[in-house]
Amino acid sequence: MLRDCIGVYWGAFDPLHEAHLAIIKKALETFHHLIIVVNNHSYKNYTYTLKERLAKIQTAAQAPHMTVFVQDDLNPIDFKYLKKVTSSPICAIAGYDAYLNWIHQSTSEERLLYQGIAVIPRGHESPHLVDKNAFLLEIDPRHKHISSTKEKKQ
């Protein structure tokens, strides 16, 4: 079932770090194609430019079955957009914190449009999955404590 899906992983990747790469690697093993959506919103103050973030992704995570899109204020990469670019089932990929934010900013019907929601646990947490199409996508435990906020401070 999951091998038929396109995985979609949204993030700022500011900076791109080992946990992002672990998620990308796991997604490439899990789904037949991966779309990485790089957020570039005007209301955010990024440490790295869009060009730098895209270059790091292209250098670190090259795969023949991977596509990178940019999402900004005027060009949202949402389910409606994704259905225009693929006829395959779509699975969203989100860290647990992003999944919790999504739950509070959307309806269950909107989330059910996705074939699945792959949730990546962080730290030692045991995520509570509220959607019937949500499932855990485990990454190497060494990477579960890494966050962009922590990486920026180092």
N, C-alpha and C. Protein backbone atom coordinates (compact mmCIF):
# COMPACT_ATOMS: atom_id res chain seq x y z
N MET A 1 0.83 -1.20 0.00
CA MET A 1 0.00 0.00 0.00
C MET A 1 0.87 1.26 0.00
N LEU A 2 1.83 1.37 0.93
CA LEU A 2 2.65 2.58 1.00
C LEU A 2 3.57 2.72 -0.21
N ARG A 3 4.02 1.61 -0.78
CA ARG A 3 4.89 1.69 -1.95
C ARG A 3 4.16 2.33 -3.14
N ASP A 4 2.83 2.32 -3.11
CA ASP A 4 2.05 2.96 -4.17
C ASP A 4 1.93 4.46 -3.97
N CYS A 5 2.22 4.93 -2.77
CA CYS A 5 2.03 6.34 -2.41
C CYS A 5 3.23 7.20 -2.79
N ILE A 6 2.91 8.46 -2.98
CA ILE A 6 3.95 9.49 -3.04
C ILE A 6 3.99 10.11 -1.65
N GLY A 7 5.17 10.13 -1.05
CA GLY A 7 5.35 10.78 0.24
C GLY A 7 5.63 12.26 0.04
N VAL A 8 5.05 13.10 0.86
CA VAL A 8 5.27 14.54 0.76
C VAL A 8 5.74 15.04 2.12
N TYR A 9 6.94 15.62 2.12
CA TYR A 9 7.58 16.07 3.35
C TYR A 9 7.82 17.57 3.26
N TRP A 10 7.09 18.33 4.10
CA TRP A 10 7.20 19.78 4.14
C TRP A 10 8.17 20.20 5.23
N GLY A 11 8.88 21.29 5.00
CA GLY A 11 9.73 21.84 6.05
C GLY A 11 10.49 23.06 5.57
N ALA A 12 11.04 23.80 6.52
CA ALA A 12 11.88 24.95 6.18
C ALA A 12 13.30 24.49 5.87
N PHE A 13 13.73 23.41 6.52
CA PHE A 13 15.08 22.86 6.33
C PHE A 13 16.12 23.96 6.58
N ASP A 14 15.92 24.65 7.70
CA ASP A 14 16.72 25.82 8.05
C ASP A 14 17.31 25.65 9.44
N PRO A 15 18.37 24.89 9.56
CA PRO A 15 19.19 24.27 8.52
C PRO A 15 18.75 22.83 8.25
N LEU A 16 19.20 22.29 7.14
CA LEU A 16 19.04 20.87 6.85
C LEU A 16 19.97 20.14 7.81
N HIS A 17 19.45 19.16 8.56
CA HIS A 17 20.27 18.45 9.54
C HIS A 17 20.08 16.95 9.42
N GLU A 18 20.79 16.22 10.28
CA GLU A 18 20.79 14.75 10.22
C GLU A 18 19.41 14.14 10.37
N ALA A 19 18.56 14.72 11.20
CA ALA A 19 17.21 14.18 11.37
C ALA A 19 16.41 14.32 10.07
N HIS A 20 16.53 15.48 9.41
CA HIS A 20 15.87 15.65 8.11
C HIS A 20 16.34 14.57 7.14
N LEU A 21 17.65 14.37 7.10
CA LEU A 21 18.21 13.38 6.17
C LEU A 21 17.75 11.97 6.52
N ALA A 22 17.62 11.67 7.81
CA ALA A 22 17.13 10.35 8.22
C ALA A 22 15.67 10.16 7.78
N ILE A 23 14.88 11.22 7.90
CA ILE A 23 13.47 11.15 7.46
C ILE A 23 13.40 10.99 5.95
N ILE A 24 14.21 11.74 5.23
CA ILE A 24 14.22 11.64 3.77
C ILE A 24 14.63 10.23 3.35
N LYS A 25 15.68 9.69 3.97
CA LYS A 25 16.13 8.33 3.65
C LYS A 25 15.02 7.31 3.91
N LYS A 26 14.38 7.40 5.07
CA LYS A 26 13.29 6.48 5.41
C LYS A 26 12.13 6.62 4.43
N ALA A 27 11.80 7.86 4.06
CA ALA A 27 10.71 8.09 3.11
C ALA A 27 11.04 7.51 1.74
N LEU A 28 12.28 7.65 1.31
CA LEU A 28 12.68 7.08 0.01
C LEU A 28 12.60 5.55 0.02
N GLU A 29 12.80 4.94 1.18
CA GLU A 29 12.68 3.49 1.32
C GLU A 29 11.22 3.06 1.41
N THR A 30 10.36 3.94 1.86
CA THR A 30 8.96 3.60 2.16
C THR A 30 8.01 3.86 0.99
N PHE A 31 8.21 4.98 0.30
CA PHE A 31 7.29 5.40 -0.76
C PHE A 31 7.94 5.28 -2.12
N HIS A 32 7.15 5.16 -3.18
CA HIS A 32 7.75 5.00 -4.51
C HIS A 32 8.31 6.31 -5.05
N HIS A 33 7.87 7.43 -4.49
CA HIS A 33 8.39 8.74 -4.88
C HIS A 33 8.28 9.66 -3.67
N LEU A 34 9.21 10.61 -3.57
CA LEU A 34 9.18 11.57 -2.47
C LEU A 34 9.18 12.98 -3.04
N ILE A 35 8.26 13.79 -2.54
CA ILE A 35 8.25 15.22 -2.84
C ILE A 35 8.67 15.93 -1.57
N ILE A 36 9.72 16.74 -1.68
CA ILE A 36 10.15 17.58 -0.57
C ILE A 36 9.66 18.98 -0.87
N VAL A 37 8.93 19.56 0.07
CA VAL A 37 8.40 20.91 -0.09
C VAL A 37 9.17 21.83 0.86
N VAL A 38 9.90 22.77 0.27
CA VAL A 38 10.69 23.71 1.06
C VAL A 38 9.86 24.97 1.28
N ASN A 39 9.57 25.25 2.54
CA ASN A 39 8.80 26.44 2.88
C ASN A 39 9.67 27.69 2.74
N ASN A 40 9.08 28.74 2.17
CA ASN A 40 9.78 30.01 2.02
C ASN A 40 8.76 31.15 2.17
N HIS A 41 8.29 31.33 3.39
CA HIS A 41 7.24 32.31 3.66
C HIS A 41 7.83 33.65 4.07
N SER A 42 7.18 34.73 3.64
CA SER A 42 7.68 36.08 3.91
C SER A 42 7.64 36.44 5.40
N TYR A 43 6.75 35.82 6.14
CA TYR A 43 6.62 36.15 7.56
C TYR A 43 7.67 35.46 8.43
N LYS A 44 8.50 34.58 7.84
CA LYS A 44 9.53 33.88 8.61
C LYS A 44 10.90 34.50 8.36
N ASN A 45 11.70 34.50 9.37
CA ASN A 45 13.06 35.01 9.27
C ASN A 45 14.00 33.79 9.20
N TYR A 46 14.41 33.43 8.01
CA TYR A 46 15.24 32.26 7.81
C TYR A 46 16.71 32.60 8.05
N THR A 47 17.44 31.65 8.60
CA THR A 47 18.88 31.80 8.79
C THR A 47 19.60 31.67 7.46
N TYR A 48 19.14 30.72 6.64
CA TYR A 48 19.74 30.46 5.34
C TYR A 48 18.79 30.90 4.23
N THR A 49 19.34 31.37 3.13
CA THR A 49 18.50 31.77 2.00
C THR A 49 17.85 30.54 1.38
N LEU A 50 16.83 30.79 0.60
CA LEU A 50 16.18 29.69 -0.11
C LEU A 50 17.19 28.97 -1.01
N LYS A 51 18.00 29.74 -1.71
CA LYS A 51 19.00 29.15 -2.61
C LYS A 51 19.95 28.23 -1.84
N GLU A 52 20.40 28.66 -0.66
CA GLU A 52 21.30 27.83 0.15
C GLU A 52 20.60 26.57 0.63
N ARG A 53 19.34 26.69 1.07
CA ARG A 53 18.61 25.52 1.57
C ARG A 53 18.35 24.52 0.45
N LEU A 54 17.99 25.02 -0.73
CA LEU A 54 17.76 24.12 -1.87
C LEU A 54 19.06 23.42 -2.28
N ALA A 55 20.15 24.15 -2.29
CA ALA A 55 21.45 23.56 -2.66
C ALA A 55 21.84 22.45 -1.70
N LYS A 56 21.62 22.67 -0.40
CA LYS A 56 21.96 21.64 0.59
C LYS A 56 21.11 20.39 0.41
N ILE A 57 19.84 20.58 0.12
CA ILE A 57 18.97 19.41 -0.11
C ILE A 57 19.41 18.66 -1.36
N GLN A 58 19.66 19.38 -2.44
CA GLN A 58 20.08 18.74 -3.69
C GLN A 58 21.41 18.01 -3.53
N THR A 59 22.32 18.56 -2.74
CA THR A 59 23.62 17.93 -2.53
C THR A 59 23.52 16.71 -1.64
N ALA A 60 22.75 16.82 -0.56
CA ALA A 60 22.70 15.76 0.44
C ALA A 60 21.72 14.65 0.14
N ALA A 61 20.70 14.93 -0.62
CA ALA A 61 19.62 13.95 -0.78
C ALA A 61 19.21 13.79 -2.25
N GLN A 62 20.14 13.36 -3.06
CA GLN A 62 19.81 13.14 -4.46
C GLN A 62 19.24 11.74 -4.63
N ALA A 63 18.13 11.65 -5.32
CA ALA A 63 17.51 10.36 -5.63
C ALA A 63 16.71 10.52 -6.91
N PRO A 64 16.70 9.49 -7.75
CA PRO A 64 15.96 9.62 -9.00
C PRO A 64 14.45 9.71 -8.80
N HIS A 65 13.96 9.23 -7.67
CA HIS A 65 12.52 9.30 -7.43
C HIS A 65 12.19 10.30 -6.33
N MET A 66 12.80 11.50 -6.48
CA MET A 66 12.58 12.59 -5.54
C MET A 66 12.43 13.90 -6.31
N THR A 67 11.48 14.72 -5.90
CA THR A 67 11.24 16.02 -6.50
C THR A 67 11.20 17.06 -5.39
N VAL A 68 11.74 18.25 -5.66
CA VAL A 68 11.73 19.33 -4.68
C VAL A 68 10.88 20.47 -5.22
N PHE A 69 9.93 20.92 -4.40
CA PHE A 69 9.09 22.07 -4.72
C PHE A 69 9.34 23.15 -3.67
N VAL A 70 9.05 24.40 -4.03
CA VAL A 70 9.11 25.51 -3.09
C VAL A 70 7.69 26.00 -2.84
N GLN A 71 7.38 26.17 -1.58
CA GLN A 71 6.07 26.70 -1.17
C GLN A 71 6.30 28.09 -0.57
N ASP A 72 5.54 29.07 -1.06
CA ASP A 72 5.64 30.41 -0.48
C ASP A 72 4.24 30.95 -0.24
N ASP A 73 4.15 32.22 0.11
CA ASP A 73 2.86 32.82 0.46
C ASP A 73 1.83 32.71 -0.68
N LEU A 74 2.30 32.84 -1.90
CA LEU A 74 1.39 32.85 -3.06
C LEU A 74 1.21 31.48 -3.70
N ASN A 75 2.07 30.54 -3.37
CA ASN A 75 2.03 29.22 -4.01
C ASN A 75 2.03 28.10 -2.98
N PRO A 76 0.87 27.84 -2.38
CA PRO A 76 0.82 26.76 -1.39
C PRO A 76 0.89 25.39 -2.08
N ILE A 77 1.64 24.51 -1.47
CA ILE A 77 1.70 23.13 -1.96
C ILE A 77 0.82 22.32 -1.01
N ASP A 78 -0.46 22.29 -1.33
CA ASP A 78 -1.44 21.60 -0.50
C ASP A 78 -1.99 20.40 -1.27
N PHE A 79 -2.96 19.72 -0.68
CA PHE A 79 -3.51 18.52 -1.32
C PHE A 79 -4.08 18.83 -2.71
N LYS A 80 -4.77 19.94 -2.82
CA LYS A 80 -5.37 20.34 -4.10
C LYS A 80 -4.28 20.48 -5.18
N TYR A 81 -3.20 21.16 -4.83
CA TYR A 81 -2.09 21.31 -5.77
C TYR A 81 -1.47 19.96 -6.11
N LEU A 82 -1.24 19.15 -5.09
CA LEU A 82 -0.59 17.85 -5.30
C LEU A 82 -1.41 16.95 -6.23
N LYS A 83 -2.74 17.00 -6.12
CA LYS A 83 -3.59 16.18 -6.99
C LYS A 83 -3.50 16.63 -8.45
N LYS A 84 -3.09 17.89 -8.67
CA LYS A 84 -2.90 18.36 -10.05
C LYS A 84 -1.62 17.80 -10.66
N VAL A 85 -0.63 17.48 -9.81
CA VAL A 85 0.66 17.04 -10.34
C VAL A 85 0.86 15.52 -10.28
N THR A 86 -0.06 14.80 -9.62
CA THR A 86 0.06 13.35 -9.57
C THR A 86 -1.30 12.68 -9.47
N SER A 87 -1.38 11.50 -10.01
CA SER A 87 -2.60 10.70 -9.87
C SER A 87 -2.40 9.61 -8.82
N SER A 88 -1.19 9.53 -8.27
CA SER A 88 -0.89 8.52 -7.24
C SER A 88 -1.50 8.93 -5.90
N PRO A 89 -1.75 7.95 -5.03
CA PRO A 89 -2.16 8.29 -3.67
C PRO A 89 -1.06 9.08 -2.98
N ILE A 90 -1.44 9.97 -2.08
CA ILE A 90 -0.48 10.87 -1.43
C ILE A 90 -0.47 10.61 0.06
N CYS A 91 0.74 10.47 0.61
CA CYS A 91 0.92 10.34 2.05
C CYS A 91 1.72 11.54 2.55
N ALA A 92 1.18 12.22 3.54
CA ALA A 92 1.89 13.33 4.16
C ALA A 92 2.91 12.78 5.15
N ILE A 93 4.01 13.50 5.32
CA ILE A 93 5.05 13.12 6.28
C ILE A 93 5.24 14.32 7.21
N ALA A 94 5.16 14.05 8.52
CA ALA A 94 5.27 15.16 9.48
C ALA A 94 5.91 14.67 10.77
N GLY A 95 6.76 15.50 11.33
CA GLY A 95 7.22 15.25 12.69
C GLY A 95 6.04 15.39 13.62
N TYR A 96 6.13 14.79 14.81
CA TYR A 96 5.00 14.81 15.73
C TYR A 96 4.55 16.23 16.07
N ASP A 97 5.49 17.15 16.26
CA ASP A 97 5.11 18.52 16.57
C ASP A 97 4.35 19.16 15.41
N ALA A 98 4.79 18.92 14.18
CA ALA A 98 4.09 19.44 13.00
C ALA A 98 2.71 18.79 12.87
N TYR A 99 2.62 17.50 13.16
CA TYR A 99 1.34 16.79 13.12
C TYR A 99 0.35 17.42 14.12
N LEU A 100 0.82 17.71 15.33
CA LEU A 100 -0.06 18.34 16.32
C LEU A 100 -0.54 19.72 15.85
N ASN A 101 0.35 20.50 15.26
CA ASN A 101 -0.05 21.80 14.71
C ASN A 101 -1.09 21.63 13.61
N TRP A 102 -0.87 20.65 12.74
CA TRP A 102 -1.78 20.38 11.64
C TRP A 102 -3.17 20.03 12.18
N ILE A 103 -3.22 19.22 13.22
CA ILE A 103 -4.50 18.83 13.81
C ILE A 103 -5.27 20.08 14.25
N HIS A 104 -4.58 21.04 14.83
CA HIS A 104 -5.24 22.24 15.35
C HIS A 104 -5.59 23.25 14.26
N GLN A 105 -4.98 23.11 13.08
CA GLN A 105 -5.21 24.08 12.00
C GLN A 105 -6.06 23.52 10.86
N SER A 106 -6.53 22.30 11.00
CA SER A 106 -7.29 21.69 9.90
C SER A 106 -8.42 20.83 10.47
N THR A 107 -9.22 20.32 9.56
CA THR A 107 -10.29 19.40 9.98
C THR A 107 -9.84 17.96 9.71
N SER A 108 -10.48 17.03 10.37
CA SER A 108 -10.15 15.62 10.13
C SER A 108 -10.47 15.25 8.68
N GLU A 109 -11.49 15.86 8.11
CA GLU A 109 -11.84 15.58 6.71
C GLU A 109 -10.71 15.99 5.77
N GLU A 110 -10.08 17.15 6.05
CA GLU A 110 -8.95 17.60 5.22
C GLU A 110 -7.78 16.61 5.31
N ARG A 111 -7.50 16.14 6.52
CA ARG A 111 -6.40 15.20 6.69
C ARG A 111 -6.70 13.84 6.09
N LEU A 112 -7.98 13.47 6.04
CA LEU A 112 -8.36 12.18 5.46
C LEU A 112 -8.26 12.17 3.93
N LEU A 113 -8.03 13.33 3.32
CA LEU A 113 -7.80 13.36 1.87
C LEU A 113 -6.51 12.60 1.53
N TYR A 114 -5.59 12.56 2.48
CA TYR A 114 -4.32 11.86 2.27
C TYR A 114 -4.51 10.37 2.53
N GLN A 115 -3.87 9.56 1.69
CA GLN A 115 -3.93 8.10 1.86
C GLN A 115 -3.40 7.72 3.24
N GLY A 116 -2.39 8.45 3.68
CA GLY A 116 -1.81 8.20 4.99
C GLY A 116 -1.08 9.42 5.49
N ILE A 117 -0.84 9.44 6.79
CA ILE A 117 -0.04 10.48 7.41
C ILE A 117 1.06 9.78 8.20
N ALA A 118 2.28 9.89 7.71
CA ALA A 118 3.42 9.28 8.37
C ALA A 118 3.92 10.26 9.43
N VAL A 119 3.86 9.87 10.69
CA VAL A 119 4.25 10.74 11.80
C VAL A 119 5.57 10.23 12.37
N ILE A 120 6.54 11.14 12.46
CA ILE A 120 7.85 10.78 12.98
C ILE A 120 7.91 11.19 14.45
N PRO A 121 8.06 10.21 15.35
CA PRO A 121 8.18 10.56 16.77
C PRO A 121 9.49 11.29 17.05
N ARG A 122 9.47 12.14 18.08
CA ARG A 122 10.68 12.87 18.49
C ARG A 122 10.99 12.49 19.93
N GLY A 123 12.26 12.50 20.25
CA GLY A 123 12.67 12.21 21.61
C GLY A 123 12.17 10.86 22.07
N HIS A 124 11.65 10.81 23.29
CA HIS A 124 11.15 9.56 23.87
C HIS A 124 9.63 9.52 23.87
N GLU A 125 9.00 10.42 23.14
CA GLU A 125 7.54 10.51 23.18
C GLU A 125 6.87 9.29 22.54
N SER A 126 5.66 9.05 22.98
CA SER A 126 4.78 8.06 22.37
C SER A 126 3.63 8.84 21.77
N PRO A 127 3.72 9.17 20.48
CA PRO A 127 2.72 10.04 19.87
C PRO A 127 1.30 9.47 19.94
N HIS A 128 0.37 10.37 20.18
CA HIS A 128 -1.05 10.03 20.13
C HIS A 128 -1.54 10.40 18.74
N LEU A 129 -1.91 9.40 17.95
CA LEU A 129 -2.37 9.63 16.58
C LEU A 129 -3.89 9.69 16.57
N VAL A 130 -4.44 10.82 16.15
CA VAL A 130 -5.89 11.01 16.19
C VAL A 130 -6.57 10.63 14.87
N ASP A 131 -5.82 10.53 13.81
CA ASP A 131 -6.41 10.23 12.51
C ASP A 131 -6.28 8.74 12.20
N LYS A 132 -7.35 8.16 11.65
CA LYS A 132 -7.31 6.72 11.36
C LYS A 132 -6.32 6.37 10.25
N ASN A 133 -5.91 7.36 9.45
CA ASN A 133 -4.94 7.11 8.39
C ASN A 133 -3.51 7.46 8.81
N ALA A 134 -3.31 7.83 10.08
CA ALA A 134 -1.98 8.18 10.58
C ALA A 134 -1.26 6.92 11.06
N PHE A 135 0.06 6.92 10.88
CA PHE A 135 0.88 5.79 11.33
C PHE A 135 2.27 6.33 11.66
N LEU A 136 2.99 5.59 12.47
CA LEU A 136 4.34 6.01 12.86
C LEU A 136 5.34 5.59 11.79
N LEU A 137 6.24 6.49 11.50
CA LEU A 137 7.36 6.22 10.60
C LEU A 137 8.62 6.42 11.45
N GLU A 138 9.17 5.33 11.90
CA GLU A 138 10.31 5.37 12.82
C GLU A 138 11.61 5.66 12.07
N ILE A 139 12.43 6.51 12.68
CA ILE A 139 13.78 6.76 12.17
C ILE A 139 14.76 6.29 13.24
N ASP A 140 16.02 6.24 12.90
CA ASP A 140 17.06 5.85 13.84
C ASP A 140 16.96 6.72 15.10
N PRO A 141 16.91 6.09 16.27
CA PRO A 141 16.76 6.86 17.52
C PRO A 141 17.84 7.92 17.75
N ARG A 142 19.00 7.76 17.14
CA ARG A 142 20.07 8.77 17.29
C ARG A 142 19.63 10.14 16.79
N HIS A 143 18.65 10.17 15.88
CA HIS A 143 18.24 11.43 15.25
C HIS A 143 16.96 12.01 15.85
N LYS A 144 16.35 11.32 16.79
CA LYS A 144 15.06 11.75 17.33
C LYS A 144 15.13 13.00 18.19
N HIS A 145 16.31 13.38 18.65
CA HIS A 145 16.42 14.54 19.53
C HIS A 145 16.92 15.78 18.79
N ILE A 146 17.17 15.66 17.51
CA ILE A 146 17.69 16.79 16.73
C ILE A 146 16.53 17.66 16.28
N SER A 147 16.70 18.98 16.41
CA SER A 147 15.68 19.91 15.91
C SER A 147 16.39 21.09 15.26
N SER A 148 15.72 21.74 14.34
CA SER A 148 16.29 22.91 13.66
C SER A 148 16.60 24.01 14.66
N THR A 149 15.73 24.20 15.64
CA THR A 149 15.96 25.25 16.64
C THR A 149 17.27 25.00 17.39
N LYS A 150 17.49 23.76 17.80
CA LYS A 150 18.73 23.42 18.50
C LYS A 150 19.94 23.58 17.59
N GLU A 151 19.80 23.19 16.33
CA GLU A 151 20.91 23.27 15.37
C GLU A 151 21.30 24.72 15.12
N LYS A 152 20.35 25.63 15.08
CA LYS A 152 20.64 27.06 14.84
C LYS A 152 21.45 27.66 15.98
N LYS A 153 21.22 27.16 17.20
CA LYS A 153 21.89 27.71 18.37
C LYS A 153 23.33 27.24 18.50
N GLN A 154 23.68 26.19 17.78
CA GLN A 154 25.06 25.64 17.90
C GLN A 154 26.05 26.37 17.04
